[in-house]
Structures are given as C-alpha cells and as structure tokens.
Amino acid sequence: VLAIANAFTKLPKAKQPLRSQVFIFVTAEEQGLLGADWYTKKPIFPLSKTAANINIDGGNFFGKTRDFGALGAERSSLWPLIGEVLTQRGLAYSPDTRPEQGFFFRSDHFPFAKAGVPALSIRTGTDFVGREKNWSEKFFAEYNAKNYHQPSDEFDENWTFDGMVQMLDTIFALGLRISNLQTLPKFNKGDEFAAAQPNR
C-alpha cells in the first residue's frame, strides 16, 4: 500500500491525477471489519465524493500470474476500466472461484460497499506462470489447512516478489484510471448496494 502511495507522489506534474487518493490502514477486520466500518461512519472526506474503494487484503508472494482478481468488479461501472487495465498487461480476469464462501462480504471494502461506494477487493490470480494449472488450488488448500490464522503464518524465505510487483503495478494503474474519471463510478442499476450510494 505504501509503495503505491509513494508511486503516486512520484508522478510528474503533467501526469498527476484529477482526484486525490486516500490511503488507509484500518484495523480489527477479524473482529467484524470494525476499523473500516468506523471510517465509513466518520469519514475524513465525504463518501459522496469518494470515487471508489480498492481493498488490498494480501499480497502475491508466489510468482507472476496470467490473471488478476477483483471481487465486486462486475457490480459497478468500474468493470470496463478493469478490463482495459488487464488487457494492457496481457492479463485475464479471474472471477470469484468460491462465491459460496462469501468473500465479498468478509473484508474491509464491504463497509464501503454498504455505504454506497463502489468497492473492489483485490485477489491474487490463480493461473501462475511456470506452474501446473491447478497449482494454486492445491497450494491454498494446504495453506488454509495448515497455516491460516496459525503461528506458522509468517514470512517464508521461499517467497518471491515478482508477482507482488505485477500485482502492485496493476493496482496502481487501476487507481490512476479511477482517479481520472470525469464522473464518479456508480453501482449497476439493480445491484443490492445501488440504493445506498450517495447522489453522484
């Protein structure tokens, strides 16, 4: 998150975005998204002027991918922008492979969506370069069984960072595109969060 913020500060004046960016580190996600929920109720900047929320709930330390995920992408007018950014990078879109687990409703972007702000939750892709097709499914099944919320869930010397760089580059480009939109993004008509969005 700090790397993306730093990249925005280094843009030449002629390429600086039309809108400001706000970088927030919220807390108490595991206790009920308390930090994110608190911010949406006491925002520093009005939610009616908040273009979107991009939630980064983890990083890709496992290598480059051929795809990229963003939960909630199809819910709003952000969807075409995501397609454009991914196409420019030769990436496919990775849909939610486990919708029955309700991941969209379990991370820090969710209070923003409930408050009417189009929100995305970035997900690591599943098609890893140089690995067999179902590698990620096997890896994450083992991780969830042995490490998730366990003392063993810590830094691993086998991590690589090329996938993280790829991920951050994509998120930065997406944030820049959103920041330069002439009109604020909106939830699609009929989406369950559309009625909550402030006048845009």
N, C-alpha and C. Protein backbone atom coordinates (compact mmCIF):
# COMPACT_ATOMS: atom_id res chain seq x y z
N VAL A 1 0.84 -1.20 0.00
CA VAL A 1 0.00 0.00 0.00
C VAL A 1 0.87 1.25 0.00
N LEU A 2 1.91 1.23 0.83
CA LEU A 2 2.80 2.39 0.87
C LEU A 2 3.56 2.55 -0.44
N ALA A 3 3.90 1.44 -1.09
CA ALA A 3 4.60 1.52 -2.37
C ALA A 3 3.71 2.19 -3.42
N ILE A 4 2.43 1.88 -3.42
CA ILE A 4 1.51 2.52 -4.36
C ILE A 4 1.37 4.00 -4.05
N ALA A 5 1.24 4.33 -2.77
CA ALA A 5 1.15 5.74 -2.38
C ALA A 5 2.40 6.50 -2.82
N ASN A 6 3.55 5.89 -2.62
CA ASN A 6 4.81 6.51 -3.00
C ASN A 6 4.88 6.73 -4.51
N ALA A 7 4.38 5.76 -5.27
CA ALA A 7 4.40 5.89 -6.73
C ALA A 7 3.55 7.07 -7.19
N PHE A 8 2.43 7.31 -6.53
CA PHE A 8 1.59 8.46 -6.89
C PHE A 8 2.34 9.77 -6.64
N THR A 9 3.11 9.83 -5.57
CA THR A 9 3.83 11.07 -5.27
C THR A 9 4.95 11.34 -6.27
N LYS A 10 5.38 10.33 -7.00
CA LYS A 10 6.48 10.49 -7.94
C LYS A 10 6.01 10.76 -9.37
N LEU A 11 4.72 10.83 -9.59
CA LEU A 11 4.22 11.14 -10.93
C LEU A 11 4.61 12.56 -11.31
N PRO A 12 5.05 12.78 -12.54
CA PRO A 12 5.32 14.15 -12.99
C PRO A 12 4.06 14.99 -12.88
N LYS A 13 4.23 16.28 -12.73
CA LYS A 13 3.09 17.17 -12.54
C LYS A 13 2.08 17.03 -13.66
N ALA A 14 2.55 16.86 -14.88
CA ALA A 14 1.64 16.75 -16.03
C ALA A 14 0.81 15.47 -16.01
N LYS A 15 1.24 14.46 -15.24
CA LYS A 15 0.54 13.18 -15.20
C LYS A 15 -0.18 12.94 -13.89
N GLN A 16 -0.20 13.93 -13.02
CA GLN A 16 -0.90 13.75 -11.75
C GLN A 16 -2.40 13.63 -11.98
N PRO A 17 -3.06 12.76 -11.23
CA PRO A 17 -4.49 12.50 -11.46
C PRO A 17 -5.38 13.68 -11.08
N LEU A 18 -6.60 13.64 -11.60
CA LEU A 18 -7.56 14.70 -11.32
C LEU A 18 -8.02 14.70 -9.87
N ARG A 19 -8.08 13.50 -9.29
CA ARG A 19 -8.57 13.37 -7.91
C ARG A 19 -7.44 12.98 -6.96
N SER A 20 -7.66 13.28 -5.71
CA SER A 20 -6.72 12.87 -4.66
C SER A 20 -6.94 11.40 -4.32
N GLN A 21 -5.95 10.79 -3.70
CA GLN A 21 -6.07 9.43 -3.20
C GLN A 21 -5.92 9.47 -1.68
N VAL A 22 -6.64 8.59 -1.03
CA VAL A 22 -6.56 8.46 0.42
C VAL A 22 -6.12 7.02 0.71
N PHE A 23 -5.06 6.86 1.47
CA PHE A 23 -4.55 5.54 1.81
C PHE A 23 -4.80 5.29 3.30
N ILE A 24 -5.55 4.25 3.57
CA ILE A 24 -5.99 3.99 4.93
C ILE A 24 -5.57 2.58 5.36
N PHE A 25 -5.00 2.48 6.55
CA PHE A 25 -4.72 1.18 7.16
C PHE A 25 -5.72 1.00 8.29
N VAL A 26 -6.74 0.22 8.04
CA VAL A 26 -7.76 0.02 9.08
C VAL A 26 -7.43 -1.21 9.90
N THR A 27 -8.06 -1.33 11.04
CA THR A 27 -7.75 -2.41 11.96
C THR A 27 -9.02 -3.19 12.32
N ALA A 28 -8.82 -4.25 13.05
CA ALA A 28 -9.91 -5.07 13.61
C ALA A 28 -10.81 -5.68 12.54
N GLU A 29 -10.22 -6.08 11.42
CA GLU A 29 -11.01 -6.78 10.40
C GLU A 29 -11.58 -8.07 10.97
N GLU A 30 -10.73 -8.82 11.65
CA GLU A 30 -11.14 -10.13 12.15
C GLU A 30 -12.19 -10.03 13.27
N GLN A 31 -12.34 -8.84 13.84
CA GLN A 31 -13.34 -8.65 14.89
C GLN A 31 -14.66 -8.10 14.33
N GLY A 32 -14.79 -8.05 13.02
CA GLY A 32 -16.04 -7.60 12.43
C GLY A 32 -15.88 -6.38 11.55
N LEU A 33 -14.72 -6.22 10.91
CA LEU A 33 -14.47 -5.08 10.00
C LEU A 33 -14.64 -3.75 10.72
N LEU A 34 -14.25 -3.71 12.00
CA LEU A 34 -14.56 -2.55 12.84
C LEU A 34 -13.88 -1.27 12.36
N GLY A 35 -12.61 -1.35 11.93
CA GLY A 35 -11.92 -0.14 11.50
C GLY A 35 -12.53 0.45 10.25
N ALA A 36 -12.78 -0.38 9.26
CA ALA A 36 -13.38 0.09 8.01
C ALA A 36 -14.80 0.62 8.25
N ASP A 37 -15.54 -0.08 9.10
CA ASP A 37 -16.90 0.36 9.41
C ASP A 37 -16.88 1.72 10.10
N TRP A 38 -15.93 1.91 11.02
CA TRP A 38 -15.82 3.19 11.72
C TRP A 38 -15.53 4.32 10.73
N TYR A 39 -14.62 4.07 9.78
CA TYR A 39 -14.29 5.13 8.83
C TYR A 39 -15.50 5.51 7.99
N THR A 40 -16.29 4.54 7.55
CA THR A 40 -17.43 4.88 6.70
C THR A 40 -18.49 5.68 7.47
N LYS A 41 -18.47 5.56 8.79
CA LYS A 41 -19.41 6.34 9.60
C LYS A 41 -18.85 7.70 10.01
N LYS A 42 -17.52 7.82 10.01
CA LYS A 42 -16.87 9.08 10.36
C LYS A 42 -15.76 9.37 9.33
N PRO A 43 -16.13 9.49 8.06
CA PRO A 43 -15.10 9.65 7.02
C PRO A 43 -14.38 10.99 7.09
N ILE A 44 -13.10 10.98 6.75
CA ILE A 44 -12.34 12.23 6.67
C ILE A 44 -12.85 13.07 5.50
N PHE A 45 -13.18 12.39 4.41
CA PHE A 45 -13.72 13.04 3.22
C PHE A 45 -15.11 12.45 2.95
N PRO A 46 -16.07 13.26 2.50
CA PRO A 46 -17.44 12.76 2.31
C PRO A 46 -17.48 11.55 1.38
N LEU A 47 -18.27 10.56 1.75
CA LEU A 47 -18.41 9.39 0.89
C LEU A 47 -19.07 9.75 -0.43
N SER A 48 -19.85 10.81 -0.44
CA SER A 48 -20.48 11.25 -1.69
C SER A 48 -19.45 11.73 -2.71
N LYS A 49 -18.24 12.03 -2.22
CA LYS A 49 -17.16 12.46 -3.12
C LYS A 49 -16.05 11.41 -3.22
N THR A 50 -16.29 10.25 -2.67
CA THR A 50 -15.32 9.17 -2.73
C THR A 50 -15.62 8.32 -3.95
N ALA A 51 -14.69 8.31 -4.90
CA ALA A 51 -14.94 7.64 -6.18
C ALA A 51 -15.08 6.13 -6.02
N ALA A 52 -14.17 5.53 -5.27
CA ALA A 52 -14.17 4.07 -5.13
C ALA A 52 -13.29 3.66 -3.98
N ASN A 53 -13.43 2.42 -3.58
CA ASN A 53 -12.56 1.83 -2.56
C ASN A 53 -11.87 0.62 -3.19
N ILE A 54 -10.55 0.61 -3.09
CA ILE A 54 -9.77 -0.55 -3.56
C ILE A 54 -9.13 -1.18 -2.33
N ASN A 55 -9.54 -2.38 -2.00
CA ASN A 55 -9.07 -3.07 -0.81
C ASN A 55 -8.00 -4.09 -1.17
N ILE A 56 -6.85 -3.98 -0.51
CA ILE A 56 -5.77 -4.96 -0.71
C ILE A 56 -5.69 -5.80 0.56
N ASP A 57 -6.13 -7.04 0.46
CA ASP A 57 -6.24 -7.90 1.63
C ASP A 57 -5.19 -9.01 1.59
N GLY A 58 -4.02 -8.67 1.06
CA GLY A 58 -2.95 -9.67 0.99
C GLY A 58 -2.13 -9.46 -0.27
N GLY A 59 -1.01 -10.14 -0.34
CA GLY A 59 -0.12 -9.96 -1.48
C GLY A 59 0.20 -11.27 -2.15
N ASN A 60 0.72 -11.16 -3.36
CA ASN A 60 1.12 -12.33 -4.12
C ASN A 60 2.63 -12.54 -3.98
N PHE A 61 3.00 -13.47 -3.13
CA PHE A 61 4.41 -13.79 -2.90
C PHE A 61 4.81 -15.10 -3.59
N PHE A 62 4.02 -15.52 -4.57
CA PHE A 62 4.19 -16.87 -5.11
C PHE A 62 4.55 -16.90 -6.59
N GLY A 63 4.72 -15.74 -7.22
CA GLY A 63 5.11 -15.70 -8.62
C GLY A 63 4.12 -14.97 -9.50
N LYS A 64 4.54 -14.66 -10.71
CA LYS A 64 3.67 -13.96 -11.65
C LYS A 64 2.49 -14.84 -12.05
N THR A 65 1.41 -14.16 -12.38
CA THR A 65 0.22 -14.87 -12.84
C THR A 65 -0.20 -14.37 -14.22
N ARG A 66 -1.05 -15.15 -14.86
CA ARG A 66 -1.62 -14.74 -16.14
C ARG A 66 -3.00 -14.11 -15.96
N ASP A 67 -3.42 -13.98 -14.70
CA ASP A 67 -4.75 -13.43 -14.42
C ASP A 67 -4.70 -12.57 -13.17
N PHE A 68 -5.84 -11.94 -12.88
CA PHE A 68 -5.93 -10.97 -11.78
C PHE A 68 -7.37 -10.95 -11.31
N GLY A 69 -7.56 -10.89 -10.00
CA GLY A 69 -8.91 -10.90 -9.46
C GLY A 69 -9.27 -9.62 -8.73
N ALA A 70 -10.52 -9.25 -8.79
CA ALA A 70 -11.03 -8.07 -8.08
C ALA A 70 -12.50 -8.33 -7.74
N LEU A 71 -12.74 -8.82 -6.54
CA LEU A 71 -14.12 -9.11 -6.13
C LEU A 71 -14.96 -7.84 -6.18
N GLY A 72 -16.13 -7.94 -6.73
CA GLY A 72 -17.03 -6.80 -6.83
C GLY A 72 -16.92 -6.04 -8.13
N ALA A 73 -15.99 -6.43 -8.99
CA ALA A 73 -15.74 -5.68 -10.23
C ALA A 73 -16.97 -5.57 -11.09
N GLU A 74 -17.73 -6.64 -11.18
CA GLU A 74 -18.89 -6.66 -12.07
C GLU A 74 -20.10 -5.91 -11.50
N ARG A 75 -20.00 -5.43 -10.29
CA ARG A 75 -21.14 -4.77 -9.64
C ARG A 75 -21.31 -3.30 -10.04
N SER A 76 -20.29 -2.71 -10.65
CA SER A 76 -20.34 -1.26 -10.87
C SER A 76 -19.74 -0.87 -12.21
N SER A 77 -19.74 0.43 -12.46
CA SER A 77 -19.17 0.96 -13.69
C SER A 77 -17.65 0.88 -13.71
N LEU A 78 -17.03 0.33 -12.66
CA LEU A 78 -15.59 0.10 -12.65
C LEU A 78 -15.21 -1.07 -13.56
N TRP A 79 -16.16 -1.91 -13.88
CA TRP A 79 -15.88 -3.13 -14.62
C TRP A 79 -15.14 -2.89 -15.95
N PRO A 80 -15.58 -1.95 -16.80
CA PRO A 80 -14.85 -1.73 -18.06
C PRO A 80 -13.41 -1.27 -17.84
N LEU A 81 -13.18 -0.46 -16.81
CA LEU A 81 -11.82 0.02 -16.53
C LEU A 81 -10.89 -1.14 -16.19
N ILE A 82 -11.41 -2.06 -15.40
CA ILE A 82 -10.60 -3.22 -15.03
C ILE A 82 -10.22 -4.02 -16.27
N GLY A 83 -11.18 -4.21 -17.16
CA GLY A 83 -10.90 -4.92 -18.40
C GLY A 83 -9.82 -4.24 -19.22
N GLU A 84 -9.88 -2.92 -19.30
CA GLU A 84 -8.88 -2.18 -20.07
C GLU A 84 -7.48 -2.31 -19.45
N VAL A 85 -7.40 -2.16 -18.14
CA VAL A 85 -6.11 -2.25 -17.45
C VAL A 85 -5.51 -3.64 -17.62
N LEU A 86 -6.33 -4.67 -17.49
CA LEU A 86 -5.82 -6.04 -17.62
C LEU A 86 -5.40 -6.35 -19.06
N THR A 87 -6.18 -5.88 -20.02
CA THR A 87 -5.83 -6.11 -21.42
C THR A 87 -4.48 -5.48 -21.76
N GLN A 88 -4.24 -4.29 -21.23
CA GLN A 88 -2.95 -3.62 -21.47
C GLN A 88 -1.79 -4.43 -20.92
N ARG A 89 -2.03 -5.25 -19.93
CA ARG A 89 -0.97 -6.03 -19.29
C ARG A 89 -1.00 -7.50 -19.69
N GLY A 90 -1.85 -7.84 -20.63
CA GLY A 90 -1.93 -9.22 -21.09
C GLY A 90 -2.47 -10.17 -20.05
N LEU A 91 -3.31 -9.65 -19.15
CA LEU A 91 -3.86 -10.47 -18.07
C LEU A 91 -5.34 -10.77 -18.31
N ALA A 92 -5.76 -11.94 -17.93
CA ALA A 92 -7.17 -12.31 -17.94
C ALA A 92 -7.79 -11.96 -16.60
N TYR A 93 -9.11 -11.82 -16.59
CA TYR A 93 -9.80 -11.56 -15.32
C TYR A 93 -10.11 -12.89 -14.64
N SER A 94 -9.82 -12.96 -13.35
CA SER A 94 -10.09 -14.17 -12.58
C SER A 94 -11.35 -13.96 -11.73
N PRO A 95 -12.45 -14.60 -12.07
CA PRO A 95 -13.67 -14.42 -11.27
C PRO A 95 -13.57 -15.11 -9.92
N ASP A 96 -14.52 -14.84 -9.08
CA ASP A 96 -14.57 -15.46 -7.76
C ASP A 96 -14.81 -16.96 -7.95
N THR A 97 -13.84 -17.76 -7.56
CA THR A 97 -13.95 -19.21 -7.76
C THR A 97 -14.71 -19.90 -6.62
N ARG A 98 -14.95 -19.17 -5.54
CA ARG A 98 -15.68 -19.75 -4.41
C ARG A 98 -16.77 -18.80 -3.90
N PRO A 99 -17.74 -18.46 -4.74
CA PRO A 99 -18.76 -17.50 -4.32
C PRO A 99 -19.56 -17.96 -3.10
N GLU A 100 -19.62 -19.29 -2.91
CA GLU A 100 -20.38 -19.81 -1.77
C GLU A 100 -19.73 -19.45 -0.44
N GLN A 101 -18.46 -19.05 -0.45
CA GLN A 101 -17.78 -18.67 0.79
C GLN A 101 -17.95 -17.19 1.13
N GLY A 102 -18.58 -16.43 0.24
CA GLY A 102 -18.95 -15.05 0.55
C GLY A 102 -17.79 -14.11 0.83
N PHE A 103 -16.68 -14.26 0.09
CA PHE A 103 -15.50 -13.43 0.35
C PHE A 103 -15.79 -11.95 0.17
N PHE A 104 -16.72 -11.60 -0.73
CA PHE A 104 -17.00 -10.18 -0.95
C PHE A 104 -17.56 -9.52 0.32
N PHE A 105 -18.16 -10.31 1.17
CA PHE A 105 -18.81 -9.77 2.37
C PHE A 105 -17.95 -9.91 3.62
N ARG A 106 -16.64 -10.21 3.45
CA ARG A 106 -15.82 -10.55 4.61
C ARG A 106 -14.52 -9.75 4.72
N SER A 107 -14.39 -8.66 3.97
CA SER A 107 -13.15 -7.91 4.05
C SER A 107 -13.45 -6.41 4.12
N ASP A 108 -12.39 -5.60 4.24
CA ASP A 108 -12.55 -4.19 4.61
C ASP A 108 -13.19 -3.30 3.56
N HIS A 109 -13.38 -3.79 2.36
CA HIS A 109 -14.09 -2.99 1.35
C HIS A 109 -15.60 -3.04 1.60
N PHE A 110 -16.07 -4.07 2.30
CA PHE A 110 -17.51 -4.30 2.42
C PHE A 110 -18.26 -3.15 3.08
N PRO A 111 -17.76 -2.55 4.19
CA PRO A 111 -18.48 -1.40 4.74
C PRO A 111 -18.62 -0.24 3.75
N PHE A 112 -17.63 -0.08 2.86
CA PHE A 112 -17.73 0.97 1.84
C PHE A 112 -18.84 0.65 0.85
N ALA A 113 -18.92 -0.61 0.44
CA ALA A 113 -19.99 -1.01 -0.47
C ALA A 113 -21.35 -0.79 0.18
N LYS A 114 -21.48 -1.19 1.44
CA LYS A 114 -22.76 -1.00 2.15
C LYS A 114 -23.14 0.48 2.23
N ALA A 115 -22.11 1.36 2.27
CA ALA A 115 -22.35 2.80 2.34
C ALA A 115 -22.53 3.41 0.96
N GLY A 116 -22.50 2.58 -0.09
CA GLY A 116 -22.77 3.08 -1.43
C GLY A 116 -21.56 3.46 -2.25
N VAL A 117 -20.36 3.14 -1.78
CA VAL A 117 -19.14 3.45 -2.53
C VAL A 117 -18.73 2.21 -3.33
N PRO A 118 -18.65 2.30 -4.66
CA PRO A 118 -18.20 1.14 -5.43
C PRO A 118 -16.87 0.62 -4.90
N ALA A 119 -16.81 -0.67 -4.61
CA ALA A 119 -15.66 -1.22 -3.90
C ALA A 119 -15.15 -2.48 -4.58
N LEU A 120 -13.84 -2.64 -4.51
CA LEU A 120 -13.17 -3.81 -5.07
C LEU A 120 -12.30 -4.44 -3.98
N SER A 121 -12.19 -5.75 -4.00
CA SER A 121 -11.26 -6.43 -3.13
C SER A 121 -10.30 -7.22 -4.02
N ILE A 122 -9.04 -6.80 -4.04
CA ILE A 122 -8.06 -7.39 -4.92
C ILE A 122 -7.72 -8.81 -4.48
N ARG A 123 -7.65 -9.70 -5.45
CA ARG A 123 -7.34 -11.10 -5.18
C ARG A 123 -6.15 -11.54 -6.03
N THR A 124 -5.32 -12.39 -5.49
CA THR A 124 -4.24 -12.98 -6.26
C THR A 124 -4.83 -13.83 -7.38
N GLY A 125 -4.23 -13.77 -8.56
CA GLY A 125 -4.68 -14.63 -9.65
C GLY A 125 -4.48 -16.10 -9.31
N THR A 126 -4.97 -16.96 -10.16
CA THR A 126 -4.89 -18.41 -9.90
C THR A 126 -4.06 -19.15 -10.94
N ASP A 127 -3.75 -18.50 -12.06
CA ASP A 127 -3.00 -19.14 -13.14
C ASP A 127 -1.55 -18.66 -13.08
N PHE A 128 -0.72 -19.40 -12.34
CA PHE A 128 0.66 -18.98 -12.09
C PHE A 128 1.60 -19.40 -13.21
N VAL A 129 2.41 -18.47 -13.65
CA VAL A 129 3.38 -18.73 -14.72
C VAL A 129 4.40 -19.76 -14.22
N GLY A 130 4.64 -20.79 -15.06
CA GLY A 130 5.64 -21.79 -14.73
C GLY A 130 5.16 -22.87 -13.77
N ARG A 131 3.87 -22.87 -13.47
CA ARG A 131 3.35 -23.90 -12.57
C ARG A 131 2.17 -24.61 -13.24
N GLU A 132 1.89 -25.83 -12.79
CA GLU A 132 0.78 -26.57 -13.37
C GLU A 132 -0.54 -25.85 -13.12
N LYS A 133 -1.52 -26.15 -13.95
CA LYS A 133 -2.76 -25.39 -13.97
C LYS A 133 -3.46 -25.31 -12.61
N ASN A 134 -3.47 -26.40 -11.88
CA ASN A 134 -4.21 -26.43 -10.61
C ASN A 134 -3.30 -26.22 -9.40
N TRP A 135 -2.09 -25.67 -9.62
CA TRP A 135 -1.15 -25.48 -8.52
C TRP A 135 -1.73 -24.62 -7.41
N SER A 136 -2.35 -23.50 -7.78
CA SER A 136 -2.84 -22.57 -6.75
C SER A 136 -3.93 -23.19 -5.90
N GLU A 137 -4.78 -23.99 -6.52
CA GLU A 137 -5.85 -24.64 -5.76
C GLU A 137 -5.26 -25.57 -4.70
N LYS A 138 -4.26 -26.34 -5.08
CA LYS A 138 -3.62 -27.24 -4.13
C LYS A 138 -2.87 -26.46 -3.05
N PHE A 139 -2.14 -25.41 -3.48
CA PHE A 139 -1.34 -24.64 -2.53
C PHE A 139 -2.22 -23.98 -1.47
N PHE A 140 -3.29 -23.30 -1.91
CA PHE A 140 -4.11 -22.57 -0.96
C PHE A 140 -4.95 -23.50 -0.08
N ALA A 141 -5.28 -24.69 -0.60
CA ALA A 141 -5.99 -25.67 0.24
C ALA A 141 -5.08 -26.11 1.39
N GLU A 142 -3.79 -26.33 1.07
CA GLU A 142 -2.84 -26.72 2.11
C GLU A 142 -2.57 -25.57 3.07
N TYR A 143 -2.44 -24.35 2.51
CA TYR A 143 -2.21 -23.17 3.35
C TYR A 143 -3.36 -22.96 4.34
N ASN A 144 -4.59 -23.05 3.85
CA ASN A 144 -5.75 -22.86 4.73
C ASN A 144 -5.83 -23.94 5.80
N ALA A 145 -5.40 -25.14 5.46
CA ALA A 145 -5.47 -26.24 6.42
C ALA A 145 -4.37 -26.16 7.47
N LYS A 146 -3.17 -25.65 7.08
CA LYS A 146 -2.03 -25.73 7.98
C LYS A 146 -1.56 -24.38 8.54
N ASN A 147 -1.80 -23.29 7.83
CA ASN A 147 -1.18 -22.02 8.22
C ASN A 147 -2.14 -20.87 8.52
N TYR A 148 -3.30 -20.86 7.89
CA TYR A 148 -4.21 -19.72 8.03
C TYR A 148 -4.59 -19.50 9.49
N HIS A 149 -4.28 -18.30 10.00
CA HIS A 149 -4.55 -17.95 11.40
C HIS A 149 -3.79 -18.85 12.39
N GLN A 150 -2.64 -19.33 11.95
CA GLN A 150 -1.81 -20.17 12.80
C GLN A 150 -0.46 -19.49 13.03
N PRO A 151 0.29 -19.88 14.07
CA PRO A 151 1.62 -19.29 14.31
C PRO A 151 2.57 -19.46 13.12
N SER A 152 2.32 -20.46 12.28
CA SER A 152 3.18 -20.70 11.12
C SER A 152 2.93 -19.72 9.97
N ASP A 153 1.92 -18.89 10.10
CA ASP A 153 1.58 -17.94 9.04
C ASP A 153 2.49 -16.71 9.18
N GLU A 154 3.71 -16.84 8.67
CA GLU A 154 4.70 -15.77 8.80
C GLU A 154 5.61 -15.76 7.57
N PHE A 155 6.58 -14.87 7.59
CA PHE A 155 7.50 -14.73 6.46
C PHE A 155 8.13 -16.07 6.09
N ASP A 156 8.22 -16.31 4.78
CA ASP A 156 8.80 -17.54 4.26
C ASP A 156 9.93 -17.18 3.31
N GLU A 157 11.10 -17.73 3.51
CA GLU A 157 12.25 -17.42 2.67
C GLU A 157 12.06 -17.87 1.23
N ASN A 158 11.09 -18.70 0.97
CA ASN A 158 10.81 -19.16 -0.39
C ASN A 158 9.93 -18.19 -1.18
N TRP A 159 9.43 -17.17 -0.53
CA TRP A 159 8.61 -16.19 -1.25
C TRP A 159 9.42 -15.53 -2.35
N THR A 160 8.72 -15.16 -3.41
CA THR A 160 9.31 -14.35 -4.47
C THR A 160 8.47 -13.07 -4.58
N PHE A 161 9.02 -12.05 -5.19
CA PHE A 161 8.33 -10.76 -5.19
C PHE A 161 7.98 -10.25 -6.58
N ASP A 162 8.25 -11.04 -7.62
CA ASP A 162 7.88 -10.60 -8.96
C ASP A 162 6.36 -10.56 -9.12
N GLY A 163 5.67 -11.49 -8.48
CA GLY A 163 4.21 -11.47 -8.52
C GLY A 163 3.64 -10.27 -7.78
N MET A 164 4.30 -9.87 -6.68
CA MET A 164 3.86 -8.70 -5.93
C MET A 164 4.03 -7.43 -6.77
N VAL A 165 5.17 -7.32 -7.46
CA VAL A 165 5.40 -6.16 -8.32
C VAL A 165 4.33 -6.09 -9.41
N GLN A 166 4.02 -7.22 -10.01
CA GLN A 166 2.99 -7.29 -11.04
C GLN A 166 1.64 -6.85 -10.48
N MET A 167 1.34 -7.32 -9.29
CA MET A 167 0.07 -7.00 -8.63
C MET A 167 -0.02 -5.50 -8.33
N LEU A 168 1.05 -4.93 -7.76
CA LEU A 168 1.04 -3.52 -7.40
C LEU A 168 0.97 -2.62 -8.64
N ASP A 169 1.65 -3.02 -9.70
CA ASP A 169 1.59 -2.26 -10.95
C ASP A 169 0.15 -2.21 -11.47
N THR A 170 -0.54 -3.31 -11.40
CA THR A 170 -1.92 -3.38 -11.88
C THR A 170 -2.84 -2.55 -11.00
N ILE A 171 -2.66 -2.63 -9.69
CA ILE A 171 -3.49 -1.84 -8.77
C ILE A 171 -3.24 -0.36 -8.96
N PHE A 172 -1.97 0.02 -9.10
CA PHE A 172 -1.63 1.43 -9.33
C PHE A 172 -2.31 1.95 -10.59
N ALA A 173 -2.23 1.19 -11.68
CA ALA A 173 -2.84 1.61 -12.94
C ALA A 173 -4.35 1.75 -12.80
N LEU A 174 -4.96 0.82 -12.08
CA LEU A 174 -6.40 0.88 -11.87
C LEU A 174 -6.78 2.10 -11.04
N GLY A 175 -6.02 2.36 -9.97
CA GLY A 175 -6.28 3.55 -9.15
C GLY A 175 -6.12 4.83 -9.94
N LEU A 176 -5.13 4.87 -10.81
CA LEU A 176 -4.91 6.07 -11.63
C LEU A 176 -6.06 6.28 -12.60
N ARG A 177 -6.53 5.19 -13.20
CA ARG A 177 -7.67 5.32 -14.13
C ARG A 177 -8.92 5.82 -13.41
N ILE A 178 -9.17 5.28 -12.23
CA ILE A 178 -10.34 5.71 -11.47
C ILE A 178 -10.20 7.18 -11.07
N SER A 179 -8.99 7.59 -10.71
CA SER A 179 -8.75 8.96 -10.27
C SER A 179 -8.94 9.96 -11.40
N ASN A 180 -8.88 9.51 -12.64
CA ASN A 180 -9.02 10.41 -13.78
C ASN A 180 -10.39 10.36 -14.44
N LEU A 181 -11.32 9.61 -13.85
CA LEU A 181 -12.67 9.56 -14.42
C LEU A 181 -13.35 10.93 -14.32
N GLN A 182 -14.07 11.28 -15.35
CA GLN A 182 -14.78 12.57 -15.35
C GLN A 182 -15.98 12.53 -14.41
N THR A 183 -16.62 11.38 -14.30
CA THR A 183 -17.77 11.23 -13.41
C THR A 183 -17.50 10.12 -12.41
N LEU A 184 -18.11 10.21 -11.26
CA LEU A 184 -17.89 9.21 -10.21
C LEU A 184 -18.49 7.86 -10.61
N PRO A 185 -17.82 6.77 -10.31
CA PRO A 185 -18.37 5.44 -10.58
C PRO A 185 -19.68 5.22 -9.82
N LYS A 186 -20.49 4.33 -10.36
CA LYS A 186 -21.76 4.00 -9.74
C LYS A 186 -21.97 2.49 -9.73
N PHE A 187 -22.71 2.03 -8.71
CA PHE A 187 -23.15 0.65 -8.75
C PHE A 187 -24.14 0.47 -9.89
N ASN A 188 -24.16 -0.72 -10.46
CA ASN A 188 -25.10 -1.00 -11.53
C ASN A 188 -26.53 -0.93 -11.02
N LYS A 189 -27.41 -0.50 -11.87
CA LYS A 189 -28.83 -0.44 -11.51
C LYS A 189 -29.29 -1.85 -11.13
N GLY A 190 -29.94 -1.94 -9.98
CA GLY A 190 -30.42 -3.22 -9.52
C GLY A 190 -29.47 -3.95 -8.59
N ASP A 191 -28.21 -3.49 -8.50
CA ASP A 191 -27.30 -4.11 -7.55
C ASP A 191 -27.78 -3.85 -6.13
N GLU A 192 -27.51 -4.77 -5.24
CA GLU A 192 -28.02 -4.64 -3.87
C GLU A 192 -27.49 -3.42 -3.14
N PHE A 193 -26.36 -2.84 -3.60
CA PHE A 193 -25.79 -1.67 -2.94
C PHE A 193 -26.13 -0.36 -3.65
N ALA A 194 -26.81 -0.44 -4.78
CA ALA A 194 -27.10 0.76 -5.56
C ALA A 194 -27.95 1.77 -4.79
N ALA A 195 -28.90 1.28 -4.01
CA ALA A 195 -29.80 2.18 -3.31
C ALA A 195 -29.09 2.97 -2.23
N ALA A 196 -27.95 2.46 -1.73
CA ALA A 196 -27.24 3.12 -0.65
C ALA A 196 -26.30 4.22 -1.14
N GLN A 197 -25.97 4.21 -2.45
CA GLN A 197 -24.93 5.15 -2.90
C GLN A 197 -25.42 6.58 -2.83
N PRO A 198 -24.52 7.47 -2.37
CA PRO A 198 -24.86 8.90 -2.31
C PRO A 198 -25.12 9.43 -3.70
N ASN A 199 -25.78 10.58 -3.76
CA ASN A 199 -26.03 11.17 -5.07
C ASN A 199 -24.72 11.41 -5.79
N ARG A 200 -24.63 10.95 -7.03
CA ARG A 200 -23.40 11.10 -7.80
C ARG A 200 -23.72 11.80 -9.12
